[in-house]
Amino acid sequence: MLEILNDKELVESYRNGNVASFELLLERHQNKVFSYILMLVKDRQLADDIFQDTFLKIIRTIKAGAYKEEGKFIQFAMRIAHNLVIDHFRKSNRLPMADSVNNEYSIIDNLKYTDRSVEDEMIEEQVYGDLRKMIELLPDEQKEVLNMRMYADMSFKEIADATNVSINTALGRMRYALINLRKMAKDYNLTLALNNF
């Protein structure tokens, strides 16, 4: 029963030729990895391509015996995904997260309304619209950490590993992002619930 194995054991099982072990690893982590890539590139087809490249690179790394157990498998996968996204932006001469609001894809666009009046929906849509605009005004590093936390539901350890910074740096970027959002909200007299991040 592969389901009871942890990620490290699944990697070892895959190394020994059990393809089903890798399929289970993929199943366990594909949503988080894909969400992270999509949050950065804001294009579903491109995210699909980078996602496929991520797992192909993981397969090649494991098969070549170059995978070292230095933490969790998900951190390894996220680091590869992050590097492939950066490579994409370098090749296309674009910086990540620099797109206009019109081309944005974020968690806020996916919120579902339940049993709300039209007025409630309009108010909430306005608040989230304002929040999206304010997030676009943040420095790229703060915006990246905020989106990873909000959209990809990543821990600060995972964010730190994916962006190759210390946990304290990731926490600091998040703290400054929230401070900046609260300041902007105060300047524009908006009420935002930012305590859950």
N, C-alpha and C. Protein backbone atom coordinates (compact mmCIF):
# COMPACT_ATOMS: atom_id res chain seq x y z
N MET A 1 0.84 -1.20 0.00
CA MET A 1 0.00 0.00 0.00
C MET A 1 0.88 1.25 0.00
N LEU A 2 1.00 1.87 -1.15
CA LEU A 2 1.88 3.04 -1.29
C LEU A 2 1.39 4.26 -0.52
N GLU A 3 0.06 4.36 -0.33
CA GLU A 3 -0.53 5.56 0.30
C GLU A 3 0.05 5.82 1.68
N ILE A 4 0.50 4.78 2.37
CA ILE A 4 1.00 4.97 3.73
C ILE A 4 2.46 5.44 3.75
N LEU A 5 3.11 5.41 2.60
CA LEU A 5 4.51 5.84 2.52
C LEU A 5 4.61 7.36 2.53
N ASN A 6 5.67 7.88 3.17
CA ASN A 6 5.90 9.33 3.10
C ASN A 6 6.62 9.64 1.77
N ASP A 7 6.80 10.92 1.49
CA ASP A 7 7.39 11.33 0.21
C ASP A 7 8.79 10.76 0.01
N LYS A 8 9.59 10.76 1.07
CA LYS A 8 10.96 10.24 0.98
C LYS A 8 10.94 8.76 0.56
N GLU A 9 10.03 8.01 1.17
CA GLU A 9 9.92 6.58 0.85
C GLU A 9 9.41 6.36 -0.57
N LEU A 10 8.50 7.26 -1.01
CA LEU A 10 7.98 7.16 -2.38
C LEU A 10 9.09 7.44 -3.40
N VAL A 11 9.93 8.43 -3.12
CA VAL A 11 11.04 8.73 -4.02
C VAL A 11 11.96 7.52 -4.12
N GLU A 12 12.26 6.90 -2.98
CA GLU A 12 13.13 5.73 -2.96
C GLU A 12 12.50 4.57 -3.73
N SER A 13 11.18 4.40 -3.56
CA SER A 13 10.47 3.34 -4.27
C SER A 13 10.51 3.60 -5.78
N TYR A 14 10.37 4.87 -6.18
CA TYR A 14 10.43 5.21 -7.60
C TYR A 14 11.83 4.96 -8.15
N ARG A 15 12.84 5.30 -7.35
CA ARG A 15 14.22 5.04 -7.74
C ARG A 15 14.44 3.55 -8.03
N ASN A 16 13.71 2.73 -7.29
CA ASN A 16 13.83 1.27 -7.43
C ASN A 16 12.92 0.71 -8.52
N GLY A 17 12.31 1.60 -9.30
CA GLY A 17 11.56 1.15 -10.46
C GLY A 17 10.04 1.11 -10.32
N ASN A 18 9.49 1.54 -9.20
CA ASN A 18 8.04 1.52 -9.00
C ASN A 18 7.43 2.83 -9.50
N VAL A 19 6.91 2.81 -10.74
CA VAL A 19 6.35 4.01 -11.37
C VAL A 19 5.14 4.53 -10.60
N ALA A 20 4.37 3.63 -9.99
CA ALA A 20 3.18 4.03 -9.23
C ALA A 20 3.56 4.95 -8.07
N SER A 21 4.76 4.82 -7.55
CA SER A 21 5.22 5.68 -6.46
C SER A 21 5.31 7.13 -6.92
N PHE A 22 5.83 7.33 -8.12
CA PHE A 22 5.93 8.70 -8.63
C PHE A 22 4.54 9.26 -8.93
N GLU A 23 3.66 8.41 -9.45
CA GLU A 23 2.29 8.86 -9.73
C GLU A 23 1.61 9.35 -8.45
N LEU A 24 1.87 8.70 -7.34
CA LEU A 24 1.30 9.12 -6.06
C LEU A 24 1.93 10.44 -5.59
N LEU A 25 3.24 10.57 -5.78
CA LEU A 25 3.90 11.85 -5.46
C LEU A 25 3.29 12.99 -6.26
N LEU A 26 3.09 12.76 -7.54
CA LEU A 26 2.49 13.75 -8.42
C LEU A 26 1.08 14.10 -7.94
N GLU A 27 0.31 13.08 -7.64
CA GLU A 27 -1.07 13.31 -7.17
C GLU A 27 -1.09 14.12 -5.88
N ARG A 28 -0.17 13.85 -4.98
CA ARG A 28 -0.12 14.56 -3.69
C ARG A 28 0.20 16.04 -3.85
N HIS A 29 1.03 16.38 -4.82
CA HIS A 29 1.58 17.73 -4.86
C HIS A 29 1.21 18.55 -6.09
N GLN A 30 0.50 17.97 -7.04
CA GLN A 30 0.26 18.68 -8.29
C GLN A 30 -0.56 19.96 -8.11
N ASN A 31 -1.56 19.95 -7.23
CA ASN A 31 -2.38 21.15 -7.07
C ASN A 31 -1.58 22.34 -6.56
N LYS A 32 -0.76 22.10 -5.55
CA LYS A 32 0.03 23.19 -4.97
C LYS A 32 1.05 23.71 -5.98
N VAL A 33 1.72 22.81 -6.68
CA VAL A 33 2.75 23.23 -7.65
C VAL A 33 2.10 23.98 -8.82
N PHE A 34 1.01 23.44 -9.34
CA PHE A 34 0.34 24.10 -10.46
C PHE A 34 -0.20 25.46 -10.05
N SER A 35 -0.82 25.55 -8.88
CA SER A 35 -1.37 26.83 -8.40
C SER A 35 -0.28 27.88 -8.27
N TYR A 36 0.87 27.46 -7.77
CA TYR A 36 1.99 28.38 -7.62
C TYR A 36 2.46 28.89 -8.99
N ILE A 37 2.61 28.00 -9.94
CA ILE A 37 3.06 28.39 -11.28
C ILE A 37 2.04 29.33 -11.92
N LEU A 38 0.77 28.97 -11.83
CA LEU A 38 -0.29 29.79 -12.43
C LEU A 38 -0.36 31.17 -11.80
N MET A 39 -0.16 31.22 -10.49
CA MET A 39 -0.17 32.51 -9.79
C MET A 39 0.93 33.42 -10.34
N LEU A 40 2.06 32.85 -10.70
CA LEU A 40 3.16 33.66 -11.20
C LEU A 40 3.01 34.04 -12.67
N VAL A 41 2.59 33.10 -13.52
CA VAL A 41 2.57 33.37 -14.96
C VAL A 41 1.23 33.90 -15.46
N LYS A 42 0.16 33.65 -14.68
CA LYS A 42 -1.18 34.18 -14.99
C LYS A 42 -1.68 33.76 -16.37
N ASP A 43 -1.30 32.57 -16.81
CA ASP A 43 -1.74 32.06 -18.10
C ASP A 43 -1.82 30.54 -17.96
N ARG A 44 -3.03 29.99 -18.10
CA ARG A 44 -3.26 28.57 -17.81
C ARG A 44 -2.45 27.66 -18.74
N GLN A 45 -2.40 27.98 -20.03
CA GLN A 45 -1.68 27.12 -20.97
C GLN A 45 -0.17 27.14 -20.68
N LEU A 46 0.36 28.32 -20.43
CA LEU A 46 1.77 28.44 -20.08
C LEU A 46 2.06 27.71 -18.77
N ALA A 47 1.15 27.85 -17.80
CA ALA A 47 1.31 27.16 -16.52
C ALA A 47 1.33 25.65 -16.72
N ASP A 48 0.46 25.15 -17.60
CA ASP A 48 0.45 23.72 -17.92
C ASP A 48 1.81 23.28 -18.46
N ASP A 49 2.35 24.07 -19.38
CA ASP A 49 3.66 23.73 -19.98
C ASP A 49 4.76 23.69 -18.93
N ILE A 50 4.80 24.73 -18.08
CA ILE A 50 5.85 24.80 -17.06
C ILE A 50 5.65 23.70 -16.03
N PHE A 51 4.40 23.39 -15.71
CA PHE A 51 4.10 22.30 -14.78
C PHE A 51 4.65 20.97 -15.31
N GLN A 52 4.39 20.71 -16.61
CA GLN A 52 4.89 19.47 -17.22
C GLN A 52 6.42 19.44 -17.19
N ASP A 53 7.03 20.58 -17.53
CA ASP A 53 8.50 20.66 -17.51
C ASP A 53 9.05 20.43 -16.10
N THR A 54 8.33 20.94 -15.10
CA THR A 54 8.76 20.78 -13.71
C THR A 54 8.85 19.30 -13.35
N PHE A 55 7.79 18.56 -13.65
CA PHE A 55 7.80 17.15 -13.26
C PHE A 55 8.71 16.30 -14.15
N LEU A 56 8.93 16.71 -15.40
CA LEU A 56 9.92 16.02 -16.22
C LEU A 56 11.32 16.21 -15.65
N LYS A 57 11.59 17.43 -15.19
CA LYS A 57 12.91 17.71 -14.60
C LYS A 57 13.08 16.94 -13.29
N ILE A 58 12.00 16.83 -12.52
CA ILE A 58 12.05 16.06 -11.28
C ILE A 58 12.37 14.59 -11.60
N ILE A 59 11.69 14.04 -12.60
CA ILE A 59 11.92 12.65 -13.01
C ILE A 59 13.38 12.45 -13.43
N ARG A 60 13.88 13.36 -14.27
CA ARG A 60 15.27 13.25 -14.74
C ARG A 60 16.25 13.34 -13.57
N THR A 61 15.97 14.25 -12.63
CA THR A 61 16.86 14.43 -11.48
C THR A 61 16.90 13.16 -10.62
N ILE A 62 15.73 12.58 -10.37
CA ILE A 62 15.68 11.35 -9.56
C ILE A 62 16.36 10.20 -10.30
N LYS A 63 16.06 10.05 -11.58
CA LYS A 63 16.64 8.93 -12.36
C LYS A 63 18.15 9.06 -12.49
N ALA A 64 18.64 10.30 -12.52
CA ALA A 64 20.08 10.51 -12.63
C ALA A 64 20.79 10.32 -11.29
N GLY A 65 20.01 10.11 -10.23
CA GLY A 65 20.60 9.94 -8.90
C GLY A 65 21.05 11.25 -8.30
N ALA A 66 20.59 12.38 -8.86
CA ALA A 66 21.02 13.69 -8.38
C ALA A 66 20.09 14.27 -7.32
N TYR A 67 18.97 13.60 -7.05
CA TYR A 67 18.05 14.11 -6.02
C TYR A 67 18.62 13.81 -4.65
N LYS A 68 18.78 14.87 -3.85
CA LYS A 68 19.28 14.73 -2.49
C LYS A 68 18.14 15.06 -1.54
N GLU A 69 17.97 14.23 -0.54
CA GLU A 69 16.91 14.45 0.44
C GLU A 69 17.35 15.54 1.40
N GLU A 70 17.06 16.79 1.05
CA GLU A 70 17.44 17.94 1.89
C GLU A 70 16.18 18.67 2.29
N GLY A 71 15.31 18.03 2.98
CA GLY A 71 14.03 18.64 3.34
C GLY A 71 12.91 17.87 2.71
N LYS A 72 11.85 18.56 2.40
CA LYS A 72 10.66 17.89 1.86
C LYS A 72 10.68 17.87 0.34
N PHE A 73 10.03 16.86 -0.22
CA PHE A 73 9.91 16.74 -1.67
C PHE A 73 9.21 17.96 -2.26
N ILE A 74 8.16 18.45 -1.58
CA ILE A 74 7.40 19.59 -2.11
C ILE A 74 8.30 20.82 -2.25
N GLN A 75 9.22 21.01 -1.33
CA GLN A 75 10.14 22.15 -1.42
C GLN A 75 11.05 22.00 -2.64
N PHE A 76 11.50 20.79 -2.88
CA PHE A 76 12.32 20.49 -4.05
C PHE A 76 11.52 20.79 -5.33
N ALA A 77 10.26 20.33 -5.37
CA ALA A 77 9.40 20.54 -6.55
C ALA A 77 9.13 22.02 -6.76
N MET A 78 8.85 22.75 -5.68
CA MET A 78 8.56 24.18 -5.79
C MET A 78 9.78 24.97 -6.25
N ARG A 79 10.95 24.55 -5.79
CA ARG A 79 12.18 25.24 -6.20
C ARG A 79 12.40 25.06 -7.70
N ILE A 80 12.17 23.85 -8.21
CA ILE A 80 12.31 23.61 -9.65
C ILE A 80 11.28 24.43 -10.42
N ALA A 81 10.03 24.43 -9.95
CA ALA A 81 8.98 25.21 -10.62
C ALA A 81 9.35 26.68 -10.64
N HIS A 82 9.80 27.19 -9.51
CA HIS A 82 10.19 28.60 -9.41
C HIS A 82 11.30 28.93 -10.40
N ASN A 83 12.32 28.07 -10.46
CA ASN A 83 13.44 28.31 -11.37
C ASN A 83 12.99 28.27 -12.84
N LEU A 84 12.07 27.37 -13.17
CA LEU A 84 11.58 27.30 -14.55
C LEU A 84 10.75 28.54 -14.92
N VAL A 85 9.99 29.05 -13.94
CA VAL A 85 9.23 30.28 -14.19
C VAL A 85 10.20 31.44 -14.43
N ILE A 86 11.22 31.53 -13.58
CA ILE A 86 12.22 32.60 -13.75
C ILE A 86 12.89 32.46 -15.12
N ASP A 87 13.26 31.24 -15.51
CA ASP A 87 13.85 31.02 -16.83
C ASP A 87 12.93 31.50 -17.94
N HIS A 88 11.64 31.20 -17.80
CA HIS A 88 10.67 31.64 -18.81
C HIS A 88 10.67 33.16 -18.92
N PHE A 89 10.62 33.85 -17.77
CA PHE A 89 10.58 35.32 -17.81
C PHE A 89 11.87 35.90 -18.36
N ARG A 90 12.98 35.27 -18.05
CA ARG A 90 14.26 35.75 -18.60
C ARG A 90 14.29 35.61 -20.12
N LYS A 91 13.83 34.46 -20.61
CA LYS A 91 13.82 34.23 -22.06
C LYS A 91 12.89 35.19 -22.78
N SER A 92 11.78 35.52 -22.13
CA SER A 92 10.81 36.41 -22.79
C SER A 92 11.03 37.87 -22.40
N ASN A 93 12.14 38.13 -21.68
CA ASN A 93 12.50 39.49 -21.26
C ASN A 93 11.39 40.19 -20.49
N ARG A 94 10.69 39.41 -19.68
CA ARG A 94 9.67 40.01 -18.82
C ARG A 94 9.99 39.65 -17.38
N LEU A 95 9.66 40.54 -16.49
CA LEU A 95 9.82 40.23 -15.08
C LEU A 95 8.53 39.62 -14.56
N PRO A 96 8.60 38.67 -13.66
CA PRO A 96 7.37 38.09 -13.12
C PRO A 96 6.56 39.13 -12.37
N MET A 97 5.26 38.99 -12.43
CA MET A 97 4.32 39.79 -11.68
C MET A 97 4.27 41.24 -12.16
N ALA A 98 4.80 41.53 -13.34
CA ALA A 98 4.79 42.91 -13.81
C ALA A 98 3.65 43.17 -14.78
N ASP A 99 2.78 42.19 -14.97
CA ASP A 99 1.66 42.36 -15.90
C ASP A 99 0.66 43.36 -15.35
N SER A 100 -0.12 43.91 -16.24
CA SER A 100 -1.15 44.84 -15.81
C SER A 100 -2.28 44.10 -15.13
N VAL A 101 -3.13 44.85 -14.46
CA VAL A 101 -4.27 44.26 -13.75
C VAL A 101 -5.18 43.53 -14.74
N ASN A 102 -5.24 44.00 -15.98
CA ASN A 102 -6.13 43.38 -16.98
C ASN A 102 -5.77 41.93 -17.27
N ASN A 103 -4.50 41.58 -17.11
CA ASN A 103 -4.05 40.23 -17.43
C ASN A 103 -3.81 39.40 -16.16
N GLU A 104 -4.44 39.83 -15.07
CA GLU A 104 -4.16 39.19 -13.78
C GLU A 104 -5.02 37.96 -13.57
N TYR A 105 -4.45 36.98 -12.92
CA TYR A 105 -5.19 35.80 -12.51
C TYR A 105 -4.80 35.55 -11.07
N SER A 106 -5.73 35.67 -10.17
CA SER A 106 -5.38 35.49 -8.77
C SER A 106 -6.51 34.82 -8.01
N ILE A 107 -6.23 34.52 -6.77
CA ILE A 107 -7.22 33.87 -5.90
C ILE A 107 -8.49 34.69 -5.82
N ILE A 108 -8.34 36.00 -5.86
CA ILE A 108 -9.49 36.87 -5.70
C ILE A 108 -10.49 36.66 -6.83
N ASP A 109 -9.99 36.34 -8.03
CA ASP A 109 -10.88 36.10 -9.15
C ASP A 109 -11.65 34.80 -9.01
N ASN A 110 -11.20 33.92 -8.12
CA ASN A 110 -11.83 32.61 -7.97
C ASN A 110 -12.77 32.51 -6.79
N LEU A 111 -12.97 33.61 -6.07
CA LEU A 111 -13.84 33.55 -4.91
C LEU A 111 -15.26 33.24 -5.34
N LYS A 112 -15.91 32.40 -4.57
CA LYS A 112 -17.29 32.02 -4.86
C LYS A 112 -18.20 32.71 -3.86
N TYR A 113 -19.32 33.22 -4.34
CA TYR A 113 -20.29 33.86 -3.47
C TYR A 113 -21.39 32.85 -3.14
N THR A 114 -21.79 32.79 -1.89
CA THR A 114 -22.84 31.86 -1.50
C THR A 114 -23.93 32.60 -0.76
N ASP A 115 -25.17 32.44 -1.20
CA ASP A 115 -26.34 33.01 -0.54
C ASP A 115 -26.16 34.49 -0.21
N ARG A 116 -25.75 35.26 -1.16
CA ARG A 116 -25.56 36.69 -0.94
C ARG A 116 -26.48 37.46 -1.86
N SER A 117 -26.86 38.62 -1.37
CA SER A 117 -27.69 39.48 -2.20
C SER A 117 -26.82 40.10 -3.29
N VAL A 118 -27.45 40.65 -4.29
CA VAL A 118 -26.73 41.32 -5.36
C VAL A 118 -25.92 42.47 -4.78
N GLU A 119 -26.50 43.17 -3.82
CA GLU A 119 -25.80 44.30 -3.19
C GLU A 119 -24.54 43.82 -2.47
N ASP A 120 -24.65 42.69 -1.72
CA ASP A 120 -23.49 42.13 -1.03
C ASP A 120 -22.40 41.77 -2.03
N GLU A 121 -22.80 41.15 -3.13
CA GLU A 121 -21.83 40.76 -4.16
C GLU A 121 -21.15 41.97 -4.76
N MET A 122 -21.92 43.03 -5.01
CA MET A 122 -21.33 44.24 -5.59
C MET A 122 -20.33 44.88 -4.64
N ILE A 123 -20.69 44.92 -3.36
CA ILE A 123 -19.79 45.52 -2.37
C ILE A 123 -18.51 44.70 -2.26
N GLU A 124 -18.68 43.37 -2.16
CA GLU A 124 -17.51 42.51 -2.04
C GLU A 124 -16.64 42.59 -3.30
N GLU A 125 -17.27 42.64 -4.45
CA GLU A 125 -16.52 42.75 -5.70
C GLU A 125 -15.73 44.05 -5.73
N GLN A 126 -16.32 45.12 -5.24
CA GLN A 126 -15.63 46.41 -5.19
C GLN A 126 -14.43 46.35 -4.25
N VAL A 127 -14.64 45.74 -3.07
CA VAL A 127 -13.55 45.63 -2.10
C VAL A 127 -12.40 44.81 -2.67
N TYR A 128 -12.72 43.66 -3.28
CA TYR A 128 -11.67 42.82 -3.85
C TYR A 128 -11.02 43.49 -5.05
N GLY A 129 -11.79 44.24 -5.80
CA GLY A 129 -11.21 45.00 -6.92
C GLY A 129 -10.20 46.01 -6.41
N ASP A 130 -10.57 46.71 -5.33
CA ASP A 130 -9.65 47.67 -4.72
C ASP A 130 -8.41 46.96 -4.18
N LEU A 131 -8.61 45.81 -3.55
CA LEU A 131 -7.49 45.06 -3.01
C LEU A 131 -6.54 44.63 -4.12
N ARG A 132 -7.10 44.13 -5.23
CA ARG A 132 -6.26 43.73 -6.37
C ARG A 132 -5.42 44.89 -6.87
N LYS A 133 -6.03 46.06 -6.97
CA LYS A 133 -5.29 47.24 -7.44
C LYS A 133 -4.17 47.60 -6.48
N MET A 134 -4.46 47.51 -5.18
CA MET A 134 -3.44 47.84 -4.19
C MET A 134 -2.30 46.82 -4.22
N ILE A 135 -2.64 45.54 -4.38
CA ILE A 135 -1.60 44.51 -4.46
C ILE A 135 -0.67 44.78 -5.64
N GLU A 136 -1.24 45.24 -6.75
CA GLU A 136 -0.41 45.56 -7.93
C GLU A 136 0.58 46.68 -7.65
N LEU A 137 0.29 47.53 -6.66
CA LEU A 137 1.18 48.65 -6.34
C LEU A 137 2.33 48.25 -5.42
N LEU A 138 2.26 47.04 -4.85
CA LEU A 138 3.32 46.58 -3.95
C LEU A 138 4.60 46.29 -4.75
N PRO A 139 5.75 46.39 -4.09
CA PRO A 139 6.99 45.93 -4.74
C PRO A 139 6.86 44.45 -5.11
N ASP A 140 7.51 44.04 -6.18
CA ASP A 140 7.36 42.68 -6.70
C ASP A 140 7.63 41.60 -5.65
N GLU A 141 8.66 41.78 -4.82
CA GLU A 141 8.99 40.76 -3.82
C GLU A 141 7.87 40.59 -2.80
N GLN A 142 7.26 41.71 -2.38
CA GLN A 142 6.16 41.64 -1.43
C GLN A 142 4.92 41.03 -2.08
N LYS A 143 4.67 41.42 -3.32
CA LYS A 143 3.52 40.90 -4.05
C LYS A 143 3.65 39.38 -4.24
N GLU A 144 4.86 38.93 -4.55
CA GLU A 144 5.09 37.51 -4.77
C GLU A 144 4.79 36.70 -3.51
N VAL A 145 5.32 37.14 -2.36
CA VAL A 145 5.10 36.43 -1.11
C VAL A 145 3.62 36.45 -0.73
N LEU A 146 2.97 37.59 -0.89
CA LEU A 146 1.54 37.70 -0.57
C LEU A 146 0.71 36.75 -1.42
N ASN A 147 0.99 36.69 -2.71
CA ASN A 147 0.25 35.80 -3.59
C ASN A 147 0.54 34.33 -3.29
N MET A 148 1.78 34.00 -2.95
CA MET A 148 2.10 32.62 -2.60
C MET A 148 1.31 32.19 -1.36
N ARG A 149 1.22 33.11 -0.42
CA ARG A 149 0.51 32.80 0.84
C ARG A 149 -1.00 32.73 0.60
N MET A 150 -1.54 33.69 -0.16
CA MET A 150 -2.98 33.75 -0.40
C MET A 150 -3.44 32.70 -1.40
N TYR A 151 -2.72 32.61 -2.50
CA TYR A 151 -3.20 31.78 -3.61
C TYR A 151 -2.74 30.34 -3.52
N ALA A 152 -1.45 30.15 -3.29
CA ALA A 152 -0.91 28.79 -3.28
C ALA A 152 -0.96 28.17 -1.89
N ASP A 153 -1.39 28.94 -0.89
CA ASP A 153 -1.53 28.43 0.48
C ASP A 153 -0.22 27.80 0.95
N MET A 154 0.88 28.48 0.63
CA MET A 154 2.20 27.95 0.97
C MET A 154 2.59 28.41 2.37
N SER A 155 3.35 27.56 3.07
CA SER A 155 3.90 27.96 4.36
C SER A 155 5.08 28.91 4.10
N PHE A 156 5.50 29.62 5.15
CA PHE A 156 6.62 30.53 4.96
C PHE A 156 7.91 29.77 4.68
N LYS A 157 8.03 28.56 5.20
CA LYS A 157 9.20 27.72 4.88
C LYS A 157 9.19 27.38 3.39
N GLU A 158 8.01 27.01 2.85
CA GLU A 158 7.91 26.68 1.42
C GLU A 158 8.18 27.91 0.56
N ILE A 159 7.68 29.07 1.00
CA ILE A 159 7.92 30.31 0.26
C ILE A 159 9.41 30.62 0.26
N ALA A 160 10.04 30.49 1.42
CA ALA A 160 11.48 30.76 1.53
C ALA A 160 12.27 29.84 0.61
N ASP A 161 11.93 28.55 0.62
CA ASP A 161 12.65 27.60 -0.24
C ASP A 161 12.42 27.88 -1.72
N ALA A 162 11.19 28.22 -2.08
CA ALA A 162 10.87 28.45 -3.49
C ALA A 162 11.54 29.71 -4.03
N THR A 163 11.75 30.70 -3.17
CA THR A 163 12.33 31.97 -3.63
C THR A 163 13.80 32.11 -3.25
N ASN A 164 14.37 31.05 -2.65
CA ASN A 164 15.78 31.04 -2.26
C ASN A 164 16.14 32.18 -1.31
N VAL A 165 15.28 32.41 -0.29
CA VAL A 165 15.58 33.39 0.75
C VAL A 165 15.38 32.71 2.09
N SER A 166 15.78 33.38 3.16
CA SER A 166 15.56 32.82 4.50
C SER A 166 14.09 32.97 4.88
N ILE A 167 13.68 32.19 5.87
CA ILE A 167 12.30 32.31 6.36
C ILE A 167 12.06 33.72 6.90
N ASN A 168 13.05 34.27 7.59
CA ASN A 168 12.90 35.63 8.13
C ASN A 168 12.68 36.65 7.02
N THR A 169 13.37 36.47 5.91
CA THR A 169 13.18 37.38 4.78
C THR A 169 11.77 37.25 4.21
N ALA A 170 11.29 36.00 4.06
CA ALA A 170 9.93 35.78 3.56
C ALA A 170 8.91 36.38 4.50
N LEU A 171 9.11 36.17 5.82
CA LEU A 171 8.20 36.75 6.81
C LEU A 171 8.24 38.27 6.77
N GLY A 172 9.44 38.80 6.62
CA GLY A 172 9.59 40.26 6.55
C GLY A 172 8.87 40.85 5.33
N ARG A 173 9.00 40.18 4.19
CA ARG A 173 8.33 40.66 2.98
C ARG A 173 6.81 40.64 3.15
N MET A 174 6.32 39.56 3.79
CA MET A 174 4.88 39.48 4.04
C MET A 174 4.44 40.58 5.00
N ARG A 175 5.22 40.79 6.04
CA ARG A 175 4.89 41.82 7.02
C ARG A 175 4.81 43.19 6.36
N TYR A 176 5.81 43.51 5.53
CA TYR A 176 5.81 44.81 4.86
C TYR A 176 4.67 44.91 3.83
N ALA A 177 4.35 43.80 3.19
CA ALA A 177 3.22 43.81 2.24
C ALA A 177 1.94 44.16 2.98
N LEU A 178 1.72 43.54 4.14
CA LEU A 178 0.50 43.82 4.92
C LEU A 178 0.49 45.25 5.46
N ILE A 179 1.65 45.70 5.93
CA ILE A 179 1.75 47.09 6.41
C ILE A 179 1.41 48.05 5.28
N ASN A 180 1.97 47.81 4.10
CA ASN A 180 1.72 48.68 2.96
C ASN A 180 0.25 48.64 2.53
N LEU A 181 -0.34 47.44 2.54
CA LEU A 181 -1.76 47.33 2.17
C LEU A 181 -2.64 48.06 3.18
N ARG A 182 -2.33 47.90 4.46
CA ARG A 182 -3.12 48.59 5.49
C ARG A 182 -2.99 50.11 5.35
N LYS A 183 -1.77 50.57 5.05
CA LYS A 183 -1.56 52.01 4.87
C LYS A 183 -2.35 52.52 3.67
N MET A 184 -2.29 51.76 2.54
CA MET A 184 -3.06 52.17 1.37
C MET A 184 -4.55 52.15 1.67
N ALA A 185 -5.01 51.13 2.39
CA ALA A 185 -6.43 51.03 2.73
C ALA A 185 -6.85 52.22 3.58
N LYS A 186 -5.99 52.61 4.53
CA LYS A 186 -6.30 53.77 5.39
C LYS A 186 -6.34 55.05 4.55
N ASP A 187 -5.36 55.19 3.65
CA ASP A 187 -5.32 56.37 2.78
C ASP A 187 -6.57 56.50 1.93
N TYR A 188 -7.11 55.34 1.49
CA TYR A 188 -8.30 55.35 0.64
C TYR A 188 -9.58 55.05 1.41
N ASN A 189 -9.46 54.99 2.76
CA ASN A 189 -10.61 54.78 3.63
C ASN A 189 -11.34 53.47 3.30
N LEU A 190 -10.58 52.38 3.13
CA LEU A 190 -11.15 51.07 2.83
C LEU A 190 -10.96 50.16 4.04
N THR A 191 -11.87 49.21 4.20
CA THR A 191 -11.75 48.24 5.28
C THR A 191 -11.38 46.90 4.67
N LEU A 192 -10.24 46.34 5.08
CA LEU A 192 -9.78 45.06 4.55
C LEU A 192 -9.54 44.10 5.68
N ALA A 193 -9.87 42.83 5.45
CA ALA A 193 -9.60 41.79 6.43
C ALA A 193 -8.27 41.14 6.07
N LEU A 194 -7.19 41.59 6.67
CA LEU A 194 -5.87 41.10 6.30
C LEU A 194 -5.23 40.31 7.44
N ASN A 195 -6.01 39.91 8.42
CA ASN A 195 -5.43 39.25 9.57
C ASN A 195 -5.21 37.76 9.39
N ASN A 196 -5.75 37.16 8.33
CA ASN A 196 -5.67 35.72 8.16
C ASN A 196 -4.44 35.28 7.40
N PHE A 197 -3.56 36.18 7.01
CA PHE A 197 -2.40 35.81 6.22
C PHE A 197 -1.18 35.73 7.10
